[in-house]
């Protein structure tokens, strides 16, 4: 969780936590679970930057192939659109990491 708790909020949380742990043991498993590989990689700017450059290259290559009016042009255009969308998501995440 991001942010800091005040002293009063921390005391309230300390009061509630044992009750939650008794009522729902699955909460301990959920809180203690290690994040997945994808979740861990999603927070690393270098990996995201490499992914962004690969997606940009894929988008450009597919767009050029689609413009060449080959028989596979619709598939190339679809792949270019999908990779452009994923590139936008990655760039948005990179911007969010830079602002944090």
N, C-alpha and C. Protein backbone atom coordinates (compact mmCIF):
# COMPACT_ATOMS: atom_id res chain seq x y z
N UNK A 1 0.85 -1.17 0.00
CA UNK A 1 0.00 0.00 0.00
C UNK A 1 0.89 1.23 0.00
N UNK A 2 0.55 2.19 -0.81
CA UNK A 2 1.31 3.43 -0.88
C UNK A 2 0.79 4.39 0.18
N UNK A 3 1.68 5.23 0.66
CA UNK A 3 1.27 6.24 1.63
C UNK A 3 1.66 5.83 3.04
N UNK A 4 1.44 6.74 3.93
CA UNK A 4 1.78 6.51 5.33
C UNK A 4 0.52 6.59 6.17
N UNK A 5 0.48 5.79 7.21
CA UNK A 5 -0.66 5.80 8.11
C UNK A 5 -0.35 6.70 9.30
N UNK A 6 -1.37 7.37 9.78
CA UNK A 6 -1.21 8.15 11.00
C UNK A 6 -1.16 7.17 12.17
N UNK A 7 -0.79 7.67 13.32
CA UNK A 7 -0.73 6.81 14.50
C UNK A 7 -2.08 6.19 14.83
N UNK A 8 -3.12 6.99 14.70
CA UNK A 8 -4.47 6.50 15.00
C UNK A 8 -4.88 5.42 14.00
N UNK A 9 -4.59 5.64 12.71
CA UNK A 9 -4.94 4.66 11.69
C UNK A 9 -4.18 3.35 11.91
N UNK A 10 -2.92 3.46 12.29
CA UNK A 10 -2.11 2.26 12.55
C UNK A 10 -2.67 1.48 13.73
N UNK A 11 -3.10 2.17 14.79
CA UNK A 11 -3.68 1.48 15.95
C UNK A 11 -4.98 0.78 15.57
N UNK A 12 -5.82 1.45 14.77
CA UNK A 12 -7.07 0.83 14.32
C UNK A 12 -6.79 -0.41 13.47
N UNK A 13 -5.82 -0.30 12.60
CA UNK A 13 -5.45 -1.44 11.76
C UNK A 13 -4.92 -2.59 12.63
N UNK A 14 -4.11 -2.27 13.62
CA UNK A 14 -3.60 -3.30 14.52
C UNK A 14 -4.72 -3.98 15.29
N UNK A 15 -5.78 -3.23 15.61
CA UNK A 15 -6.93 -3.82 16.32
C UNK A 15 -7.74 -4.75 15.42
N UNK A 16 -7.88 -4.39 14.16
CA UNK A 16 -8.73 -5.14 13.23
C UNK A 16 -8.01 -6.37 12.66
N UNK A 17 -6.72 -6.28 12.47
CA UNK A 17 -5.97 -7.32 11.78
C UNK A 17 -6.11 -8.72 12.40
N UNK A 18 -5.99 -8.88 13.73
CA UNK A 18 -6.14 -10.24 14.29
C UNK A 18 -7.52 -10.84 14.01
N UNK A 19 -8.56 -10.02 14.04
CA UNK A 19 -9.91 -10.53 13.77
C UNK A 19 -10.02 -11.01 12.32
N UNK A 20 -9.45 -10.24 11.41
CA UNK A 20 -9.49 -10.64 10.00
C UNK A 20 -8.72 -11.94 9.77
N UNK A 21 -7.59 -12.07 10.44
CA UNK A 21 -6.78 -13.28 10.26
C UNK A 21 -7.49 -14.51 10.82
N UNK A 22 -8.24 -14.35 11.90
CA UNK A 22 -8.98 -15.49 12.46
C UNK A 22 -10.16 -15.87 11.58
N UNK A 23 -10.85 -14.86 11.05
CA UNK A 23 -12.06 -15.12 10.27
C UNK A 23 -11.75 -15.65 8.87
N UNK A 24 -10.65 -15.26 8.27
CA UNK A 24 -10.35 -15.67 6.91
C UNK A 24 -8.87 -16.03 6.78
N UNK A 25 -8.54 -17.32 6.98
CA UNK A 25 -7.13 -17.73 6.86
C UNK A 25 -6.59 -17.58 5.43
N UNK A 26 -7.48 -17.53 4.44
CA UNK A 26 -7.02 -17.36 3.06
C UNK A 26 -6.37 -15.99 2.87
N UNK A 27 -6.70 -15.04 3.71
CA UNK A 27 -6.11 -13.71 3.63
C UNK A 27 -4.60 -13.79 3.87
N UNK A 28 -4.18 -14.61 4.82
CA UNK A 28 -2.75 -14.78 5.06
C UNK A 28 -2.05 -15.33 3.83
N UNK A 29 -2.66 -16.31 3.19
CA UNK A 29 -2.06 -16.89 1.99
C UNK A 29 -2.00 -15.85 0.87
N UNK A 30 -3.05 -15.05 0.75
CA UNK A 30 -3.08 -14.04 -0.29
C UNK A 30 -2.03 -12.96 -0.05
N UNK A 31 -1.92 -12.50 1.19
CA UNK A 31 -0.95 -11.46 1.51
C UNK A 31 0.48 -11.98 1.45
N UNK A 32 0.67 -13.25 1.73
CA UNK A 32 2.02 -13.82 1.74
C UNK A 32 2.46 -14.36 0.39
N UNK A 33 1.58 -14.34 -0.61
CA UNK A 33 1.93 -14.89 -1.92
C UNK A 33 2.94 -14.01 -2.62
N UNK A 34 3.87 -14.65 -3.30
CA UNK A 34 4.88 -13.92 -4.07
C UNK A 34 4.25 -13.44 -5.38
N UNK A 35 4.52 -12.21 -5.79
CA UNK A 35 3.96 -11.73 -7.05
C UNK A 35 4.45 -12.57 -8.23
N UNK A 36 3.65 -12.64 -9.26
CA UNK A 36 4.02 -13.41 -10.45
C UNK A 36 5.16 -12.72 -11.19
N UNK A 37 5.77 -13.46 -12.09
CA UNK A 37 6.87 -12.90 -12.87
C UNK A 37 6.42 -11.68 -13.67
N UNK A 38 5.26 -11.78 -14.28
CA UNK A 38 4.74 -10.65 -15.05
C UNK A 38 4.53 -9.42 -14.17
N UNK A 39 4.00 -9.63 -12.97
CA UNK A 39 3.77 -8.50 -12.06
C UNK A 39 5.09 -7.86 -11.64
N UNK A 40 6.12 -8.69 -11.42
CA UNK A 40 7.42 -8.13 -11.03
C UNK A 40 8.08 -7.39 -12.18
N UNK A 41 7.96 -7.92 -13.39
CA UNK A 41 8.57 -7.26 -14.55
C UNK A 41 7.86 -5.96 -14.90
N UNK A 42 6.58 -5.87 -14.60
CA UNK A 42 5.77 -4.69 -14.94
C UNK A 42 6.23 -3.46 -14.16
N UNK A 43 7.05 -3.64 -13.12
CA UNK A 43 7.51 -2.52 -12.30
C UNK A 43 8.97 -2.17 -12.57
N UNK A 44 9.57 -2.74 -13.62
CA UNK A 44 10.98 -2.46 -13.93
C UNK A 44 11.07 -1.62 -15.20
N UNK A 45 11.52 -0.38 -15.07
CA UNK A 45 11.54 0.52 -16.22
C UNK A 45 12.44 0.05 -17.37
N UNK A 46 13.57 -0.58 -17.08
CA UNK A 46 14.46 -1.01 -18.16
C UNK A 46 13.80 -2.09 -19.01
N UNK A 47 13.13 -3.01 -18.38
CA UNK A 47 12.46 -4.07 -19.12
C UNK A 47 11.31 -3.49 -19.92
N UNK A 48 10.59 -2.55 -19.32
CA UNK A 48 9.49 -1.90 -20.05
C UNK A 48 10.01 -1.10 -21.24
N UNK A 49 11.15 -0.46 -21.08
CA UNK A 49 11.73 0.30 -22.19
C UNK A 49 12.15 -0.64 -23.33
N UNK A 50 12.73 -1.78 -22.98
CA UNK A 50 13.10 -2.76 -24.00
C UNK A 50 11.86 -3.31 -24.70
N UNK A 51 10.83 -3.56 -23.93
CA UNK A 51 9.57 -4.04 -24.51
C UNK A 51 8.96 -2.99 -25.43
N UNK A 52 9.03 -1.73 -25.02
CA UNK A 52 8.49 -0.65 -25.85
C UNK A 52 9.25 -0.55 -27.18
N UNK A 53 10.56 -0.68 -27.14
CA UNK A 53 11.31 -0.60 -28.40
C UNK A 53 11.01 -1.79 -29.30
N UNK A 54 10.86 -2.97 -28.72
CA UNK A 54 10.52 -4.15 -29.52
C UNK A 54 9.12 -4.01 -30.13
N UNK A 55 8.19 -3.50 -29.35
CA UNK A 55 6.84 -3.30 -29.88
C UNK A 55 6.80 -2.23 -30.96
N UNK A 56 7.60 -1.19 -30.81
CA UNK A 56 7.66 -0.14 -31.83
C UNK A 56 8.22 -0.70 -33.13
N UNK A 57 9.26 -1.54 -33.02
CA UNK A 57 9.84 -2.15 -34.22
C UNK A 57 8.84 -3.10 -34.88
N UNK A 58 8.13 -3.88 -34.08
CA UNK A 58 7.12 -4.79 -34.62
C UNK A 58 5.99 -4.03 -35.31
N UNK A 59 5.55 -2.95 -34.67
CA UNK A 59 4.49 -2.12 -35.27
C UNK A 59 4.94 -1.56 -36.62
N UNK A 60 6.14 -1.02 -36.67
CA UNK A 60 6.64 -0.44 -37.92
C UNK A 60 6.80 -1.51 -39.00
N UNK A 61 7.35 -2.65 -38.64
CA UNK A 61 7.54 -3.72 -39.63
C UNK A 61 6.20 -4.22 -40.16
N UNK A 62 5.24 -4.41 -39.29
CA UNK A 62 3.92 -4.88 -39.73
C UNK A 62 3.22 -3.83 -40.59
N UNK A 63 3.35 -2.57 -40.22
CA UNK A 63 2.72 -1.52 -41.01
C UNK A 63 3.34 -1.43 -42.40
N UNK A 64 4.66 -1.57 -42.50
CA UNK A 64 5.31 -1.56 -43.81
C UNK A 64 4.90 -2.77 -44.64
N UNK A 65 4.80 -3.91 -44.00
CA UNK A 65 4.40 -5.13 -44.71
C UNK A 65 2.95 -5.01 -45.19
N UNK A 66 2.10 -4.42 -44.37
CA UNK A 66 0.71 -4.24 -44.77
C UNK A 66 0.59 -3.24 -45.92
N UNK A 67 1.44 -2.24 -45.93
CA UNK A 67 1.41 -1.24 -47.00
C UNK A 67 1.94 -1.78 -48.32
N UNK A 68 2.69 -2.88 -48.26
CA UNK A 68 3.26 -3.46 -49.48
C UNK A 68 2.22 -4.18 -50.31
N UNK A 69 1.00 -4.26 -49.85
CA UNK A 69 -0.12 -4.87 -50.57
C UNK A 69 0.16 -6.33 -50.92
N UNK A 70 0.60 -7.07 -49.93
CA UNK A 70 0.83 -8.50 -50.09
C UNK A 70 -0.44 -9.26 -49.72
N UNK A 71 -0.49 -10.56 -50.02
CA UNK A 71 -1.68 -11.33 -49.64
C UNK A 71 -1.92 -11.37 -48.12
N UNK A 72 -0.88 -11.23 -47.36
CA UNK A 72 -1.02 -11.27 -45.89
C UNK A 72 -1.19 -9.88 -45.30
N UNK A 73 -1.55 -8.90 -46.09
CA UNK A 73 -1.68 -7.52 -45.61
C UNK A 73 -2.70 -7.38 -44.48
N UNK A 74 -3.89 -8.03 -44.54
CA UNK A 74 -4.83 -7.88 -43.43
C UNK A 74 -4.28 -8.40 -42.10
N UNK A 75 -3.58 -9.52 -42.16
CA UNK A 75 -2.98 -10.07 -40.92
C UNK A 75 -1.90 -9.13 -40.40
N UNK A 76 -1.10 -8.57 -41.30
CA UNK A 76 -0.05 -7.64 -40.88
C UNK A 76 -0.64 -6.37 -40.28
N UNK A 77 -1.72 -5.90 -40.88
CA UNK A 77 -2.37 -4.69 -40.35
C UNK A 77 -2.97 -4.96 -38.98
N UNK A 78 -3.56 -6.12 -38.81
CA UNK A 78 -4.12 -6.48 -37.50
C UNK A 78 -3.02 -6.60 -36.45
N UNK A 79 -1.91 -7.22 -36.82
CA UNK A 79 -0.78 -7.34 -35.89
C UNK A 79 -0.21 -5.96 -35.57
N UNK A 80 -0.13 -5.09 -36.55
CA UNK A 80 0.37 -3.73 -36.30
C UNK A 80 -0.54 -2.98 -35.34
N UNK A 81 -1.85 -3.14 -35.51
CA UNK A 81 -2.79 -2.47 -34.61
C UNK A 81 -2.68 -3.01 -33.19
N UNK A 82 -2.57 -4.33 -33.07
CA UNK A 82 -2.45 -4.93 -31.73
C UNK A 82 -1.16 -4.51 -31.05
N UNK A 83 -0.06 -4.53 -31.79
CA UNK A 83 1.22 -4.14 -31.17
C UNK A 83 1.25 -2.65 -30.86
N UNK A 84 0.58 -1.83 -31.65
CA UNK A 84 0.50 -0.40 -31.34
C UNK A 84 -0.30 -0.17 -30.06
N UNK A 85 -1.36 -0.95 -29.88
CA UNK A 85 -2.15 -0.84 -28.65
C UNK A 85 -1.32 -1.26 -27.44
N UNK A 86 -0.59 -2.38 -27.56
CA UNK A 86 0.26 -2.82 -26.44
C UNK A 86 1.37 -1.82 -26.17
N UNK A 87 1.90 -1.21 -27.25
CA UNK A 87 2.92 -0.18 -27.08
C UNK A 87 2.37 1.00 -26.30
N UNK A 88 1.14 1.39 -26.58
CA UNK A 88 0.52 2.50 -25.84
C UNK A 88 0.38 2.15 -24.36
N UNK A 89 0.00 0.91 -24.07
CA UNK A 89 -0.12 0.50 -22.67
C UNK A 89 1.24 0.53 -21.96
N UNK A 90 2.27 0.05 -22.63
CA UNK A 90 3.61 0.04 -22.02
C UNK A 90 4.11 1.46 -21.81
N UNK A 91 3.91 2.32 -22.80
CA UNK A 91 4.35 3.71 -22.64
C UNK A 91 3.58 4.43 -21.52
N UNK A 92 2.31 4.10 -21.39
CA UNK A 92 1.52 4.68 -20.30
C UNK A 92 2.07 4.24 -18.94
N UNK A 93 2.45 2.96 -18.85
CA UNK A 93 3.02 2.45 -17.59
C UNK A 93 4.37 3.09 -17.32
N UNK A 94 5.18 3.25 -18.36
CA UNK A 94 6.47 3.92 -18.18
C UNK A 94 6.28 5.36 -17.70
N UNK A 95 5.31 6.04 -18.25
CA UNK A 95 5.04 7.42 -17.81
C UNK A 95 4.58 7.44 -16.35
N UNK A 96 3.78 6.45 -15.97
CA UNK A 96 3.33 6.39 -14.58
C UNK A 96 4.50 6.10 -13.64
N UNK A 97 5.43 5.25 -14.05
CA UNK A 97 6.60 4.98 -13.21
C UNK A 97 7.50 6.20 -13.12
N UNK A 98 7.59 6.97 -14.20
CA UNK A 98 8.41 8.18 -14.18
C UNK A 98 7.83 9.27 -13.31
N UNK A 99 6.50 9.30 -13.21
CA UNK A 99 5.84 10.32 -12.40
C UNK A 99 5.86 9.97 -10.93
N UNK A 100 6.06 8.71 -10.61
CA UNK A 100 6.02 8.27 -9.20
C UNK A 100 7.26 8.62 -8.45
